[in-house]
Amino acid sequence: YPGDGAAPMSQILTDLNNMGGEKVLSLELFNRSYWEEDPNLVAERGLAKMKSLVGEIA
């Protein structure tokens, strides 16, 4: 999920925010274990994690 991996998501989102303009974020999960879970729950968790990260820089 966003923020759980090695990518510096807070810095990436800060850099994108500093560029200005409208932004569109998408959720891509490559961990195959998520593919076996309920897709609605996975989407809800992913959205919550992304909102948390975006909230840190807002």
PDB file of N, CA and C in Angstrom:
ATOM      1  N   TYR A   1       0.831  -1.184   0.000  1.00  0.00           N
ATOM      2  CA  TYR A   1       0.000   0.000   0.000  1.00  0.00           C
ATOM      3  C   TYR A   1       0.878   1.250   0.000  1.00  0.00           C
ATOM      4  N   PRO A   2       0.333   2.374  -0.407  1.00  0.00           N
ATOM      5  CA  PRO A   2       1.113   3.608  -0.437  1.00  0.00           C
ATOM      6  C   PRO A   2       1.740   3.909   0.924  1.00  0.00           C
ATOM      7  N   GLY A   3       3.028   4.161   0.898  1.00  0.00           N
ATOM      8  CA  GLY A   3       3.751   4.472   2.121  1.00  0.00           C
ATOM      9  C   GLY A   3       4.334   3.266   2.828  1.00  0.00           C
ATOM     10  N   ASP A   4       3.951   2.061   2.432  1.00  0.00           N
ATOM     11  CA  ASP A   4       4.453   0.854   3.090  1.00  0.00           C
ATOM     12  C   ASP A   4       5.746   0.331   2.466  1.00  0.00           C
ATOM     13  N   GLY A   5       6.052   0.763   1.273  1.00  0.00           N
ATOM     14  CA  GLY A   5       7.208   0.234   0.558  1.00  0.00           C
ATOM     15  C   GLY A   5       8.454   1.082   0.746  1.00  0.00           C
ATOM     16  N   ALA A   6       9.408   0.880  -0.143  1.00  0.00           N
ATOM     17  CA  ALA A   6      10.697   1.554  -0.056  1.00  0.00           C
ATOM     18  C   ALA A   6      10.692   2.946  -0.690  1.00  0.00           C
ATOM     19  N   ALA A   7       9.718   3.231  -1.542  1.00  0.00           N
ATOM     20  CA  ALA A   7       9.676   4.528  -2.226  1.00  0.00           C
ATOM     21  C   ALA A   7       9.415   5.647  -1.216  1.00  0.00           C
ATOM     22  N   PRO A   8      10.131   6.756  -1.349  1.00  0.00           N
ATOM     23  CA  PRO A   8       9.936   7.893  -0.436  1.00  0.00           C
ATOM     24  C   PRO A   8       8.674   8.678  -0.808  1.00  0.00           C
ATOM     25  N   MET A   9       7.509   8.103  -0.495  1.00  0.00           N
ATOM     26  CA  MET A   9       6.245   8.677  -0.956  1.00  0.00           C
ATOM     27  C   MET A   9       6.007  10.102  -0.468  1.00  0.00           C
ATOM     28  N   SER A  10       6.342  10.401   0.775  1.00  0.00           N
ATOM     29  CA  SER A  10       6.130  11.765   1.272  1.00  0.00           C
ATOM     30  C   SER A  10       6.926  12.767   0.448  1.00  0.00           C
ATOM     31  N   GLN A  11       8.169  12.428   0.137  1.00  0.00           N
ATOM     32  CA  GLN A  11       8.996  13.334  -0.668  1.00  0.00           C
ATOM     33  C   GLN A  11       8.466  13.436  -2.095  1.00  0.00           C
ATOM     34  N   ILE A  12       8.055  12.321  -2.666  1.00  0.00           N
ATOM     35  CA  ILE A  12       7.510  12.326  -4.025  1.00  0.00           C
ATOM     36  C   ILE A  12       6.268  13.205  -4.090  1.00  0.00           C
ATOM     37  N   LEU A  13       5.360  13.034  -3.134  1.00  0.00           N
ATOM     38  CA  LEU A  13       4.135  13.834  -3.129  1.00  0.00           C
ATOM     39  C   LEU A  13       4.423  15.306  -2.859  1.00  0.00           C
ATOM     40  N   THR A  14       5.404  15.590  -2.007  1.00  0.00           N
ATOM     41  CA  THR A  14       5.802  16.978  -1.762  1.00  0.00           C
ATOM     42  C   THR A  14       6.332  17.609  -3.039  1.00  0.00           C
ATOM     43  N   ASP A  15       7.185  16.895  -3.751  1.00  0.00           N
ATOM     44  CA  ASP A  15       7.733  17.410  -5.008  1.00  0.00           C
ATOM     45  C   ASP A  15       6.632  17.657  -6.031  1.00  0.00           C
ATOM     46  N   LEU A  16       5.692  16.733  -6.149  1.00  0.00           N
ATOM     47  CA  LEU A  16       4.570  16.918  -7.076  1.00  0.00           C
ATOM     48  C   LEU A  16       3.733  18.125  -6.675  1.00  0.00           C
ATOM     49  N   ASN A  17       3.482  18.264  -5.387  1.00  0.00           N
ATOM     50  CA  ASN A  17       2.699  19.392  -4.893  1.00  0.00           C
ATOM     51  C   ASN A  17       3.383  20.716  -5.211  1.00  0.00           C
ATOM     52  N   ASN A  18       4.697  20.758  -5.057  1.00  0.00           N
ATOM     53  CA  ASN A  18       5.451  21.983  -5.314  1.00  0.00           C
ATOM     54  C   ASN A  18       5.464  22.372  -6.787  1.00  0.00           C
ATOM     55  N   MET A  19       5.164  21.430  -7.662  1.00  0.00           N
ATOM     56  CA  MET A  19       5.130  21.722  -9.096  1.00  0.00           C
ATOM     57  C   MET A  19       3.867  22.487  -9.477  1.00  0.00           C
ATOM     58  N   GLY A  20       2.859  22.483  -8.609  1.00  0.00           N
ATOM     59  CA  GLY A  20       1.611  23.188  -8.874  1.00  0.00           C
ATOM     60  C   GLY A  20       0.723  22.427  -9.836  1.00  0.00           C
ATOM     61  N   GLY A  21      -0.451  22.990 -10.083  1.00  0.00           N
ATOM     62  CA  GLY A  21      -1.392  22.395 -11.023  1.00  0.00           C
ATOM     63  C   GLY A  21      -2.187  21.255 -10.423  1.00  0.00           C
ATOM     64  N   GLU A  22      -3.092  20.725 -11.229  1.00  0.00           N
ATOM     65  CA  GLU A  22      -3.943  19.606 -10.822  1.00  0.00           C
ATOM     66  C   GLU A  22      -3.154  18.301 -10.841  1.00  0.00           C
ATOM     67  N   LYS A  23      -3.468  17.429  -9.912  1.00  0.00           N
ATOM     68  CA  LYS A  23      -2.802  16.127  -9.842  1.00  0.00           C
ATOM     69  C   LYS A  23      -3.843  15.016  -9.822  1.00  0.00           C
ATOM     70  N   VAL A  24      -3.522  13.912 -10.431  1.00  0.00           N
ATOM     71  CA  VAL A  24      -4.350  12.710 -10.391  1.00  0.00           C
ATOM     72  C   VAL A  24      -3.466  11.577  -9.895  1.00  0.00           C
ATOM     73  N   LEU A  25      -3.918  10.892  -8.865  1.00  0.00           N
ATOM     74  CA  LEU A  25      -3.162   9.776  -8.312  1.00  0.00           C
ATOM     75  C   LEU A  25      -3.923   8.485  -8.571  1.00  0.00           C
ATOM     76  N   SER A  26      -3.192   7.429  -8.842  1.00  0.00           N
ATOM     77  CA  SER A  26      -3.823   6.124  -9.030  1.00  0.00           C
ATOM     78  C   SER A  26      -3.155   5.121  -8.096  1.00  0.00           C
ATOM     79  N   LEU A  27      -3.863   4.047  -7.838  1.00  0.00           N
ATOM     80  CA  LEU A  27      -3.363   3.000  -6.953  1.00  0.00           C
ATOM     81  C   LEU A  27      -3.029   1.771  -7.782  1.00  0.00           C
ATOM     82  N   GLU A  28      -1.762   1.377  -7.747  1.00  0.00           N
ATOM     83  CA  GLU A  28      -1.327   0.151  -8.418  1.00  0.00           C
ATOM     84  C   GLU A  28      -0.647  -0.718  -7.368  1.00  0.00           C
ATOM     85  N   LEU A  29      -1.145  -1.912  -7.200  1.00  0.00           N
ATOM     86  CA  LEU A  29      -0.602  -2.827  -6.198  1.00  0.00           C
ATOM     87  C   LEU A  29      -0.016  -4.044  -6.893  1.00  0.00           C
ATOM     88  N   PHE A  30       1.266  -4.263  -6.678  1.00  0.00           N
ATOM     89  CA  PHE A  30       1.961  -5.358  -7.345  1.00  0.00           C
ATOM     90  C   PHE A  30       2.163  -6.562  -6.434  1.00  0.00           C
ATOM     91  N   ASN A  31       1.775  -6.443  -5.174  1.00  0.00           N
ATOM     92  CA  ASN A  31       1.871  -7.557  -4.238  1.00  0.00           C
ATOM     93  C   ASN A  31       0.735  -8.527  -4.542  1.00  0.00           C
ATOM     94  N   ARG A  32       1.055  -9.694  -5.019  1.00  0.00           N
ATOM     95  CA  ARG A  32       0.036 -10.656  -5.460  1.00  0.00           C
ATOM     96  C   ARG A  32      -0.913 -11.080  -4.337  1.00  0.00           C
ATOM     97  N   SER A  33      -0.479 -10.978  -3.105  1.00  0.00           N
ATOM     98  CA  SER A  33      -1.374 -11.369  -2.008  1.00  0.00           C
ATOM     99  C   SER A  33      -2.599 -10.458  -1.944  1.00  0.00           C
ATOM    100  N   TYR A  34      -2.445  -9.203  -2.354  1.00  0.00           N
ATOM    101  CA  TYR A  34      -3.595  -8.293  -2.374  1.00  0.00           C
ATOM    102  C   TYR A  34      -4.610  -8.721  -3.422  1.00  0.00           C
ATOM    103  N   TRP A  35      -4.163  -9.353  -4.470  1.00  0.00           N
ATOM    104  CA  TRP A  35      -5.051  -9.757  -5.565  1.00  0.00           C
ATOM    105  C   TRP A  35      -6.052 -10.816  -5.110  1.00  0.00           C
ATOM    106  N   GLU A  36      -5.712 -11.513  -4.039  1.00  0.00           N
ATOM    107  CA  GLU A  36      -6.586 -12.569  -3.533  1.00  0.00           C
ATOM    108  C   GLU A  36      -7.589 -12.049  -2.506  1.00  0.00           C
ATOM    109  N   GLU A  37      -7.425 -10.796  -2.083  1.00  0.00           N
ATOM    110  CA  GLU A  37      -8.314 -10.209  -1.086  1.00  0.00           C
ATOM    111  C   GLU A  37      -9.528  -9.573  -1.753  1.00  0.00           C
ATOM    112  N   ASP A  38     -10.511  -9.222  -0.939  1.00  0.00           N
ATOM    113  CA  ASP A  38     -11.704  -8.546  -1.433  1.00  0.00           C
ATOM    114  C   ASP A  38     -11.282  -7.218  -2.072  1.00  0.00           C
ATOM    115  N   PRO A  39     -11.582  -7.012  -3.350  1.00  0.00           N
ATOM    116  CA  PRO A  39     -11.124  -5.807  -4.041  1.00  0.00           C
ATOM    117  C   PRO A  39     -11.651  -4.514  -3.426  1.00  0.00           C
ATOM    118  N   ASN A  40     -12.848  -4.549  -2.869  1.00  0.00           N
ATOM    119  CA  ASN A  40     -13.384  -3.338  -2.239  1.00  0.00           C
ATOM    120  C   ASN A  40     -12.589  -2.970  -0.990  1.00  0.00           C
ATOM    121  N   LEU A  41     -12.218  -3.976  -0.198  1.00  0.00           N
ATOM    122  CA  LEU A  41     -11.417  -3.710   0.998  1.00  0.00           C
ATOM    123  C   LEU A  41     -10.020  -3.226   0.632  1.00  0.00           C
ATOM    124  N   VAL A  42      -9.444  -3.816  -0.394  1.00  0.00           N
ATOM    125  CA  VAL A  42      -8.123  -3.392  -0.857  1.00  0.00           C
ATOM    126  C   VAL A  42      -8.181  -1.938  -1.320  1.00  0.00           C
ATOM    127  N   ALA A  43      -9.213  -1.589  -2.072  1.00  0.00           N
ATOM    128  CA  ALA A  43      -9.367  -0.211  -2.550  1.00  0.00           C
ATOM    129  C   ALA A  43      -9.557   0.755  -1.384  1.00  0.00           C
ATOM    130  N   GLU A  44     -10.359   0.360  -0.400  1.00  0.00           N
ATOM    131  CA  GLU A  44     -10.583   1.218   0.766  1.00  0.00           C
ATOM    132  C   GLU A  44      -9.291   1.449   1.540  1.00  0.00           C
ATOM    133  N   ARG A  45      -8.519   0.380   1.749  1.00  0.00           N
ATOM    134  CA  ARG A  45      -7.242   0.515   2.460  1.00  0.00           C
ATOM    135  C   ARG A  45      -6.275   1.392   1.677  1.00  0.00           C
ATOM    136  N   GLY A  46      -6.199   1.152   0.377  1.00  0.00           N
ATOM    137  CA  GLY A  46      -5.305   1.943  -0.459  1.00  0.00           C
ATOM    138  C   GLY A  46      -5.674   3.412  -0.454  1.00  0.00           C
ATOM    139  N   LEU A  47      -6.962   3.711  -0.547  1.00  0.00           N
ATOM    140  CA  LEU A  47      -7.421   5.102  -0.526  1.00  0.00           C
ATOM    141  C   LEU A  47      -7.112   5.749   0.821  1.00  0.00           C
ATOM    142  N   ALA A  48      -7.349   5.030   1.899  1.00  0.00           N
ATOM    143  CA  ALA A  48      -7.064   5.572   3.229  1.00  0.00           C
ATOM    144  C   ALA A  48      -5.576   5.877   3.391  1.00  0.00           C
ATOM    145  N   LYS A  49      -4.725   4.968   2.910  1.00  0.00           N
ATOM    146  CA  LYS A  49      -3.274   5.189   3.004  1.00  0.00           C
ATOM    147  C   LYS A  49      -2.852   6.402   2.172  1.00  0.00           C
ATOM    148  N   MET A  50      -3.401   6.525   0.958  1.00  0.00           N
ATOM    149  CA  MET A  50      -3.041   7.647   0.098  1.00  0.00           C
ATOM    150  C   MET A  50      -3.529   8.962   0.702  1.00  0.00           C
ATOM    151  N   LYS A  51      -4.749   8.968   1.235  1.00  0.00           N
ATOM    152  CA  LYS A  51      -5.266  10.186   1.871  1.00  0.00           C
ATOM    153  C   LYS A  51      -4.386  10.597   3.043  1.00  0.00           C
ATOM    154  N   SER A  52      -3.915   9.624   3.804  1.00  0.00           N
ATOM    155  CA  SER A  52      -3.040   9.914   4.932  1.00  0.00           C
ATOM    156  C   SER A  52      -1.738  10.555   4.459  1.00  0.00           C
ATOM    157  N   LEU A  53      -1.148  10.007   3.416  1.00  0.00           N
ATOM    158  CA  LEU A  53       0.095  10.567   2.882  1.00  0.00           C
ATOM    159  C   LEU A  53      -0.114  11.967   2.329  1.00  0.00           C
ATOM    160  N   VAL A  54      -1.187  12.156   1.584  1.00  0.00           N
ATOM    161  CA  VAL A  54      -1.471  13.473   1.006  1.00  0.00           C
ATOM    162  C   VAL A  54      -1.740  14.475   2.128  1.00  0.00           C
ATOM    163  N   GLY A  55      -2.419  14.034   3.179  1.00  0.00           N
ATOM    164  CA  GLY A  55      -2.703  14.908   4.310  1.00  0.00           C
ATOM    165  C   GLY A  55      -1.449  15.389   5.018  1.00  0.00           C
ATOM    166  N   GLU A  56      -0.386  14.600   4.974  1.00  0.00           N
ATOM    167  CA  GLU A  56       0.876  14.980   5.611  1.00  0.00           C
ATOM    168  C   GLU A  56       1.518  16.183   4.936  1.00  0.00           C
ATOM    169  N   ILE A  57       1.263  16.361   3.648  1.00  0.00           N
ATOM    170  CA  ILE A  57       1.924  17.452   2.924  1.00  0.00           C
ATOM    171  C   ILE A  57       1.005  18.630   2.667  1.00  0.00           C
ATOM    172  N   ALA A  58      -0.279  18.469   2.929  1.00  0.00           N
ATOM    173  CA  ALA A  58      -1.253  19.539   2.641  1.00  0.00           C
ATOM    174  C   ALA A  58      -1.141  20.672   3.633  1.00  0.00           C
TER     175      ALA A  58
END
